[in-house]
């Protein structure tokens, strides 16, 4: 499955992301997971449907995204 779009944080790395997705299955999986978390977090924060989401749940999502983001940045910034 190809990425439908890139997070604004990684837009300047589009070519490197495509290259890594083609060559590195682990990177591809991590990047896809990051995109899923990003969409889910956006949905939780904007479309709660009147049901309050516990802060610790949102914080856990954000923590996982930061971990994935760091891993992605390390790949993208390596030579």
PDB file of N, CA and C in Angstrom:
ATOM      1  N   UNK A   1       0.844  -1.168   0.000  1.00  0.00           N
ATOM      2  CA  UNK A   1       0.000   0.000   0.000  1.00  0.00           C
ATOM      3  C   UNK A   1       0.894   1.236   0.000  1.00  0.00           C
ATOM      4  N   UNK A   2       0.684   2.134  -0.935  1.00  0.00           N
ATOM      5  CA  UNK A   2       1.454   3.369  -1.011  1.00  0.00           C
ATOM      6  C   UNK A   2       0.817   4.419  -0.131  1.00  0.00           C
ATOM      7  N   UNK A   3       1.629   5.339   0.334  1.00  0.00           N
ATOM      8  CA  UNK A   3       1.126   6.433   1.143  1.00  0.00           C
ATOM      9  C   UNK A   3       0.283   7.346   0.279  1.00  0.00           C
ATOM     10  N   UNK A   4      -0.828   7.786   0.804  1.00  0.00           N
ATOM     11  CA  UNK A   4      -1.705   8.673   0.051  1.00  0.00           C
ATOM     12  C   UNK A   4      -1.211  10.104   0.085  1.00  0.00           C
ATOM     13  N   UNK A   5      -0.488  10.459   1.090  1.00  0.00           N
ATOM     14  CA  UNK A   5       0.031  11.808   1.229  1.00  0.00           C
ATOM     15  C   UNK A   5       1.024  11.820   2.364  1.00  0.00           C
ATOM     16  N   UNK A   6       1.760  12.905   2.467  1.00  0.00           N
ATOM     17  CA  UNK A   6       2.778  12.965   3.502  1.00  0.00           C
ATOM     18  C   UNK A   6       2.413  14.018   4.530  1.00  0.00           C
ATOM     19  N   UNK A   7       2.699  13.700   5.761  1.00  0.00           N
ATOM     20  CA  UNK A   7       2.506  14.653   6.837  1.00  0.00           C
ATOM     21  C   UNK A   7       3.258  15.924   6.491  1.00  0.00           C
ATOM     22  N   UNK A   8       2.710  17.061   6.877  1.00  0.00           N
ATOM     23  CA  UNK A   8       3.367  18.337   6.591  1.00  0.00           C
ATOM     24  C   UNK A   8       4.768  18.380   7.196  1.00  0.00           C
ATOM     25  N   UNK A   9       5.007  17.609   8.238  1.00  0.00           N
ATOM     26  CA  UNK A   9       6.334  17.567   8.858  1.00  0.00           C
ATOM     27  C   UNK A   9       7.363  16.920   7.936  1.00  0.00           C
ATOM     28  N   UNK A  10       6.904  16.098   7.019  1.00  0.00           N
ATOM     29  CA  UNK A  10       7.824  15.345   6.168  1.00  0.00           C
ATOM     30  C   UNK A  10       7.691  15.683   4.685  1.00  0.00           C
ATOM     31  N   UNK A  11       6.952  16.723   4.350  1.00  0.00           N
ATOM     32  CA  UNK A  11       6.681  17.042   2.952  1.00  0.00           C
ATOM     33  C   UNK A  11       7.964  17.301   2.163  1.00  0.00           C
ATOM     34  N   UNK A  12       8.964  17.900   2.790  1.00  0.00           N
ATOM     35  CA  UNK A  12      10.202  18.188   2.053  1.00  0.00           C
ATOM     36  C   UNK A  12      11.040  16.934   1.801  1.00  0.00           C
ATOM     37  N   UNK A  13      10.655  15.824   2.389  1.00  0.00           N
ATOM     38  CA  UNK A  13      11.388  14.565   2.226  1.00  0.00           C
ATOM     39  C   UNK A  13      10.660  13.574   1.311  1.00  0.00           C
ATOM     40  N   UNK A  14       9.745  14.050   0.498  1.00  0.00           N
ATOM     41  CA  UNK A  14       8.915  13.153  -0.317  1.00  0.00           C
ATOM     42  C   UNK A  14       9.734  12.135  -1.111  1.00  0.00           C
ATOM     43  N   UNK A  15      10.773  12.614  -1.785  1.00  0.00           N
ATOM     44  CA  UNK A  15      11.574  11.709  -2.621  1.00  0.00           C
ATOM     45  C   UNK A  15      12.297  10.665  -1.770  1.00  0.00           C
ATOM     46  N   UNK A  16      12.870  11.102  -0.668  1.00  0.00           N
ATOM     47  CA  UNK A  16      13.579  10.180   0.222  1.00  0.00           C
ATOM     48  C   UNK A  16      12.602   9.167   0.822  1.00  0.00           C
ATOM     49  N   UNK A  17      11.399   9.610   1.161  1.00  0.00           N
ATOM     50  CA  UNK A  17      10.381   8.705   1.710  1.00  0.00           C
ATOM     51  C   UNK A  17      10.022   7.638   0.689  1.00  0.00           C
ATOM     52  N   UNK A  18       9.779   8.054  -0.556  1.00  0.00           N
ATOM     53  CA  UNK A  18       9.451   7.075  -1.600  1.00  0.00           C
ATOM     54  C   UNK A  18      10.584   6.060  -1.771  1.00  0.00           C
ATOM     55  N   UNK A  19      11.804   6.560  -1.774  1.00  0.00           N
ATOM     56  CA  UNK A  19      12.966   5.680  -1.926  1.00  0.00           C
ATOM     57  C   UNK A  19      13.047   4.684  -0.767  1.00  0.00           C
ATOM     58  N   UNK A  20      12.892   5.170   0.457  1.00  0.00           N
ATOM     59  CA  UNK A  20      12.957   4.293   1.621  1.00  0.00           C
ATOM     60  C   UNK A  20      11.797   3.301   1.649  1.00  0.00           C
ATOM     61  N   UNK A  21      10.606   3.743   1.260  1.00  0.00           N
ATOM     62  CA  UNK A  21       9.457   2.827   1.226  1.00  0.00           C
ATOM     63  C   UNK A  21       9.705   1.680   0.254  1.00  0.00           C
ATOM     64  N   UNK A  22      10.367   1.989  -0.865  1.00  0.00           N
ATOM     65  CA  UNK A  22      10.652   0.956  -1.864  1.00  0.00           C
ATOM     66  C   UNK A  22      11.746  -0.005  -1.411  1.00  0.00           C
ATOM     67  N   UNK A  23      12.721   0.499  -0.638  1.00  0.00           N
ATOM     68  CA  UNK A  23      13.890  -0.300  -0.297  1.00  0.00           C
ATOM     69  C   UNK A  23      13.887  -0.890   1.104  1.00  0.00           C
ATOM     70  N   UNK A  24      13.063  -0.347   1.990  1.00  0.00           N
ATOM     71  CA  UNK A  24      13.153  -0.736   3.393  1.00  0.00           C
ATOM     72  C   UNK A  24      11.760  -1.060   3.952  1.00  0.00           C
ATOM     73  N   UNK A  25      11.426  -2.328   4.063  1.00  0.00           N
ATOM     74  CA  UNK A  25      10.097  -2.709   4.564  1.00  0.00           C
ATOM     75  C   UNK A  25       9.814  -2.191   5.976  1.00  0.00           C
ATOM     76  N   UNK A  26      10.826  -2.138   6.814  1.00  0.00           N
ATOM     77  CA  UNK A  26      10.608  -1.625   8.175  1.00  0.00           C
ATOM     78  C   UNK A  26      10.249  -0.146   8.138  1.00  0.00           C
ATOM     79  N   UNK A  27      10.978   0.640   7.354  1.00  0.00           N
ATOM     80  CA  UNK A  27      10.645   2.060   7.229  1.00  0.00           C
ATOM     81  C   UNK A  27       9.219   2.216   6.717  1.00  0.00           C
ATOM     82  N   UNK A  28       8.868   1.454   5.697  1.00  0.00           N
ATOM     83  CA  UNK A  28       7.529   1.543   5.113  1.00  0.00           C
ATOM     84  C   UNK A  28       6.463   1.273   6.165  1.00  0.00           C
ATOM     85  N   UNK A  29       6.670   0.244   6.971  1.00  0.00           N
ATOM     86  CA  UNK A  29       5.698  -0.110   8.012  1.00  0.00           C
ATOM     87  C   UNK A  29       5.603   0.992   9.073  1.00  0.00           C
ATOM     88  N   UNK A  30       6.752   1.504   9.504  1.00  0.00           N
ATOM     89  CA  UNK A  30       6.764   2.560  10.524  1.00  0.00           C
ATOM     90  C   UNK A  30       6.102   3.822   9.988  1.00  0.00           C
ATOM     91  N   UNK A  31       6.406   4.178   8.744  1.00  0.00           N
ATOM     92  CA  UNK A  31       5.821   5.392   8.171  1.00  0.00           C
ATOM     93  C   UNK A  31       4.304   5.242   8.006  1.00  0.00           C
ATOM     94  N   UNK A  32       3.858   4.085   7.575  1.00  0.00           N
ATOM     95  CA  UNK A  32       2.418   3.848   7.457  1.00  0.00           C
ATOM     96  C   UNK A  32       1.740   3.914   8.823  1.00  0.00           C
ATOM     97  N   UNK A  33       2.391   3.353   9.839  1.00  0.00           N
ATOM     98  CA  UNK A  33       1.843   3.408  11.188  1.00  0.00           C
ATOM     99  C   UNK A  33       1.742   4.859  11.660  1.00  0.00           C
ATOM    100  N   UNK A  34       2.774   5.644  11.372  1.00  0.00           N
ATOM    101  CA  UNK A  34       2.752   7.064  11.738  1.00  0.00           C
ATOM    102  C   UNK A  34       1.580   7.779  11.061  1.00  0.00           C
ATOM    103  N   UNK A  35       1.355   7.517   9.775  1.00  0.00           N
ATOM    104  CA  UNK A  35       0.247   8.148   9.064  1.00  0.00           C
ATOM    105  C   UNK A  35      -1.102   7.750   9.652  1.00  0.00           C
ATOM    106  N   UNK A  36      -1.234   6.486  10.041  1.00  0.00           N
ATOM    107  CA  UNK A  36      -2.478   6.019  10.661  1.00  0.00           C
ATOM    108  C   UNK A  36      -2.699   6.716  11.996  1.00  0.00           C
ATOM    109  N   UNK A  37      -1.658   6.762  12.821  1.00  0.00           N
ATOM    110  CA  UNK A  37      -1.760   7.454  14.107  1.00  0.00           C
ATOM    111  C   UNK A  37      -2.120   8.923  13.903  1.00  0.00           C
ATOM    112  N   UNK A  38      -1.520   9.537  12.913  1.00  0.00           N
ATOM    113  CA  UNK A  38      -1.771  10.950  12.637  1.00  0.00           C
ATOM    114  C   UNK A  38      -3.245  11.196  12.290  1.00  0.00           C
ATOM    115  N   UNK A  39      -3.787  10.357  11.423  1.00  0.00           N
ATOM    116  CA  UNK A  39      -5.211  10.484  11.050  1.00  0.00           C
ATOM    117  C   UNK A  39      -6.121  10.202  12.241  1.00  0.00           C
ATOM    118  N   UNK A  40      -5.799   9.165  12.995  1.00  0.00           N
ATOM    119  CA  UNK A  40      -6.613   8.817  14.167  1.00  0.00           C
ATOM    120  C   UNK A  40      -6.599   9.933  15.207  1.00  0.00           C
ATOM    121  N   UNK A  41      -5.421  10.496  15.455  1.00  0.00           N
ATOM    122  CA  UNK A  41      -5.323  11.582  16.425  1.00  0.00           C
ATOM    123  C   UNK A  41      -6.122  12.784  15.961  1.00  0.00           C
ATOM    124  N   UNK A  42      -6.016  13.108  14.679  1.00  0.00           N
ATOM    125  CA  UNK A  42      -6.804  14.217  14.126  1.00  0.00           C
ATOM    126  C   UNK A  42      -8.299  13.958  14.337  1.00  0.00           C
ATOM    127  N   UNK A  43      -8.731  12.757  14.036  1.00  0.00           N
ATOM    128  CA  UNK A  43     -10.149  12.407  14.225  1.00  0.00           C
ATOM    129  C   UNK A  43     -10.558  12.531  15.691  1.00  0.00           C
ATOM    130  N   UNK A  44      -9.722  12.041  16.585  1.00  0.00           N
ATOM    131  CA  UNK A  44     -10.050  12.108  18.015  1.00  0.00           C
ATOM    132  C   UNK A  44     -10.145  13.551  18.505  1.00  0.00           C
ATOM    133  N   UNK A  45      -9.230  14.383  18.036  1.00  0.00           N
ATOM    134  CA  UNK A  45      -9.193  15.765  18.502  1.00  0.00           C
ATOM    135  C   UNK A  45     -10.280  16.637  17.879  1.00  0.00           C
ATOM    136  N   UNK A  46     -10.735  16.283  16.689  1.00  0.00           N
ATOM    137  CA  UNK A  46     -11.684  17.156  15.988  1.00  0.00           C
ATOM    138  C   UNK A  46     -13.103  16.596  15.891  1.00  0.00           C
ATOM    139  N   UNK A  47     -13.261  15.299  16.021  1.00  0.00           N
ATOM    140  CA  UNK A  47     -14.576  14.690  15.791  1.00  0.00           C
ATOM    141  C   UNK A  47     -14.985  13.777  16.935  1.00  0.00           C
ATOM    142  N   UNK A  48     -14.841  14.233  18.123  1.00  0.00           N
ATOM    143  CA  UNK A  48     -15.147  13.383  19.276  1.00  0.00           C
ATOM    144  C   UNK A  48     -16.627  13.041  19.361  1.00  0.00           C
ATOM    145  N   UNK A  49     -17.451  13.728  18.590  1.00  0.00           N
ATOM    146  CA  UNK A  49     -18.878  13.414  18.580  1.00  0.00           C
ATOM    147  C   UNK A  49     -19.562  13.661  19.904  1.00  0.00           C
ATOM    148  N   UNK A  50     -19.064  14.607  20.661  1.00  0.00           N
ATOM    149  CA  UNK A  50     -19.683  14.929  21.932  1.00  0.00           C
ATOM    150  C   UNK A  50     -19.218  14.065  23.083  1.00  0.00           C
ATOM    151  N   UNK A  51     -18.504  12.999  22.790  1.00  0.00           N
ATOM    152  CA  UNK A  51     -17.979  12.129  23.841  1.00  0.00           C
ATOM    153  C   UNK A  51     -16.568  12.586  24.205  1.00  0.00           C
ATOM    154  N   UNK A  52     -16.353  12.973  25.444  1.00  0.00           N
ATOM    155  CA  UNK A  52     -15.011  13.421  25.823  1.00  0.00           C
ATOM    156  C   UNK A  52     -14.003  12.272  25.775  1.00  0.00           C
ATOM    157  N   UNK A  53     -12.834  12.581  25.245  1.00  0.00           N
ATOM    158  CA  UNK A  53     -11.750  11.608  25.178  1.00  0.00           C
ATOM    159  C   UNK A  53     -10.814  11.893  26.355  1.00  0.00           C
ATOM    160  N   UNK A  54     -10.485  10.899  27.158  1.00  0.00           N
ATOM    161  CA  UNK A  54      -9.597  11.129  28.309  1.00  0.00           C
ATOM    162  C   UNK A  54      -8.242  11.682  27.863  1.00  0.00           C
ATOM    163  N   UNK A  55      -7.743  12.645  28.611  1.00  0.00           N
ATOM    164  CA  UNK A  55      -6.460  13.276  28.287  1.00  0.00           C
ATOM    165  C   UNK A  55      -5.331  12.269  28.235  1.00  0.00           C
ATOM    166  N   UNK A  56      -5.333  11.285  29.136  1.00  0.00           N
ATOM    167  CA  UNK A  56      -4.237  10.317  29.137  1.00  0.00           C
ATOM    168  C   UNK A  56      -4.241   9.457  27.871  1.00  0.00           C
ATOM    169  N   UNK A  57      -5.412   9.233  27.296  1.00  0.00           N
ATOM    170  CA  UNK A  57      -5.500   8.488  26.042  1.00  0.00           C
ATOM    171  C   UNK A  57      -4.885   9.304  24.907  1.00  0.00           C
ATOM    172  N   UNK A  58      -5.236  10.582  24.841  1.00  0.00           N
ATOM    173  CA  UNK A  58      -4.674  11.481  23.817  1.00  0.00           C
ATOM    174  C   UNK A  58      -3.160  11.584  24.007  1.00  0.00           C
ATOM    175  N   UNK A  59      -2.718  11.719  25.246  1.00  0.00           N
ATOM    176  CA  UNK A  59      -1.283  11.833  25.531  1.00  0.00           C
ATOM    177  C   UNK A  59      -0.534  10.569  25.120  1.00  0.00           C
ATOM    178  N   UNK A  60      -1.130   9.419  25.308  1.00  0.00           N
ATOM    179  CA  UNK A  60      -0.503   8.158  24.898  1.00  0.00           C
ATOM    180  C   UNK A  60      -0.364   8.116  23.374  1.00  0.00           C
ATOM    181  N   UNK A  61      -1.377   8.573  22.666  1.00  0.00           N
ATOM    182  CA  UNK A  61      -1.329   8.668  21.203  1.00  0.00           C
ATOM    183  C   UNK A  61      -0.193   9.586  20.784  1.00  0.00           C
ATOM    184  N   UNK A  62      -0.114  10.748  21.410  1.00  0.00           N
ATOM    185  CA  UNK A  62       0.914  11.727  21.074  1.00  0.00           C
ATOM    186  C   UNK A  62       2.310  11.188  21.358  1.00  0.00           C
ATOM    187  N   UNK A  63       2.462  10.472  22.449  1.00  0.00           N
ATOM    188  CA  UNK A  63       3.750   9.879  22.796  1.00  0.00           C
ATOM    189  C   UNK A  63       4.173   8.862  21.737  1.00  0.00           C
ATOM    190  N   UNK A  64       3.262   8.017  21.326  1.00  0.00           N
ATOM    191  CA  UNK A  64       3.569   7.023  20.295  1.00  0.00           C
ATOM    192  C   UNK A  64       3.929   7.709  18.980  1.00  0.00           C
ATOM    193  N   UNK A  65       3.221   8.773  18.647  1.00  0.00           N
ATOM    194  CA  UNK A  65       3.534   9.511  17.418  1.00  0.00           C
ATOM    195  C   UNK A  65       4.924  10.136  17.491  1.00  0.00           C
ATOM    196  N   UNK A  66       5.291  10.683  18.637  1.00  0.00           N
ATOM    197  CA  UNK A  66       6.629  11.277  18.789  1.00  0.00           C
ATOM    198  C   UNK A  66       7.714  10.218  18.607  1.00  0.00           C
ATOM    199  N   UNK A  67       7.479   9.040  19.149  1.00  0.00           N
ATOM    200  CA  UNK A  67       8.439   7.942  19.000  1.00  0.00           C
ATOM    201  C   UNK A  67       8.602   7.584  17.521  1.00  0.00           C
ATOM    202  N   UNK A  68       7.485   7.418  16.824  1.00  0.00           N
ATOM    203  CA  UNK A  68       7.535   7.083  15.400  1.00  0.00           C
ATOM    204  C   UNK A  68       8.177   8.210  14.594  1.00  0.00           C
ATOM    205  N   UNK A  69       7.844   9.437  14.938  1.00  0.00           N
ATOM    206  CA  UNK A  69       8.394  10.610  14.263  1.00  0.00           C
ATOM    207  C   UNK A  69       9.922  10.649  14.397  1.00  0.00           C
ATOM    208  N   UNK A  70      10.414  10.388  15.575  1.00  0.00           N
ATOM    209  CA  UNK A  70      11.860  10.369  15.802  1.00  0.00           C
ATOM    210  C   UNK A  70      12.532   9.284  14.962  1.00  0.00           C
ATOM    211  N   UNK A  71      11.916   8.122  14.932  1.00  0.00           N
ATOM    212  CA  UNK A  71      12.465   7.024  14.139  1.00  0.00           C
ATOM    213  C   UNK A  71      12.496   7.392  12.657  1.00  0.00           C
ATOM    214  N   UNK A  72      11.432   8.004  12.175  1.00  0.00           N
ATOM    215  CA  UNK A  72      11.363   8.423  10.766  1.00  0.00           C
ATOM    216  C   UNK A  72      12.414   9.494  10.484  1.00  0.00           C
ATOM    217  N   UNK A  73      12.523  10.469  11.366  1.00  0.00           N
ATOM    218  CA  UNK A  73      13.515  11.546  11.178  1.00  0.00           C
ATOM    219  C   UNK A  73      14.921  10.970  11.104  1.00  0.00           C
ATOM    220  N   UNK A  74      15.222   9.984  11.940  1.00  0.00           N
ATOM    221  CA  UNK A  74      16.549   9.370  11.920  1.00  0.00           C
ATOM    222  C   UNK A  74      16.838   8.750  10.556  1.00  0.00           C
ATOM    223  N   UNK A  75      15.862   8.054   9.977  1.00  0.00           N
ATOM    224  CA  UNK A  75      16.042   7.475   8.650  1.00  0.00           C
ATOM    225  C   UNK A  75      16.218   8.572   7.604  1.00  0.00           C
ATOM    226  N   UNK A  76      15.390   9.580   7.662  1.00  0.00           N
ATOM    227  CA  UNK A  76      15.408  10.615   6.635  1.00  0.00           C
ATOM    228  C   UNK A  76      16.674  11.471   6.680  1.00  0.00           C
ATOM    229  N   UNK A  77      17.244  11.627   7.840  1.00  0.00           N
ATOM    230  CA  UNK A  77      18.405  12.480   7.969  1.00  0.00           C
ATOM    231  C   UNK A  77      19.720  11.725   7.865  1.00  0.00           C
ATOM    232  N   UNK A  78      19.642  10.398   7.782  1.00  0.00           N
ATOM    233  CA  UNK A  78      20.873   9.629   7.606  1.00  0.00           C
ATOM    234  C   UNK A  78      21.294   9.686   6.148  1.00  0.00           C
ATOM    235  N   UNK A  79      22.565   9.590   5.938  1.00  0.00           N
ATOM    236  CA  UNK A  79      23.107   9.678   4.557  1.00  0.00           C
ATOM    237  C   UNK A  79      23.101   8.340   3.884  1.00  0.00           C
TER     238      UNK A  79
END
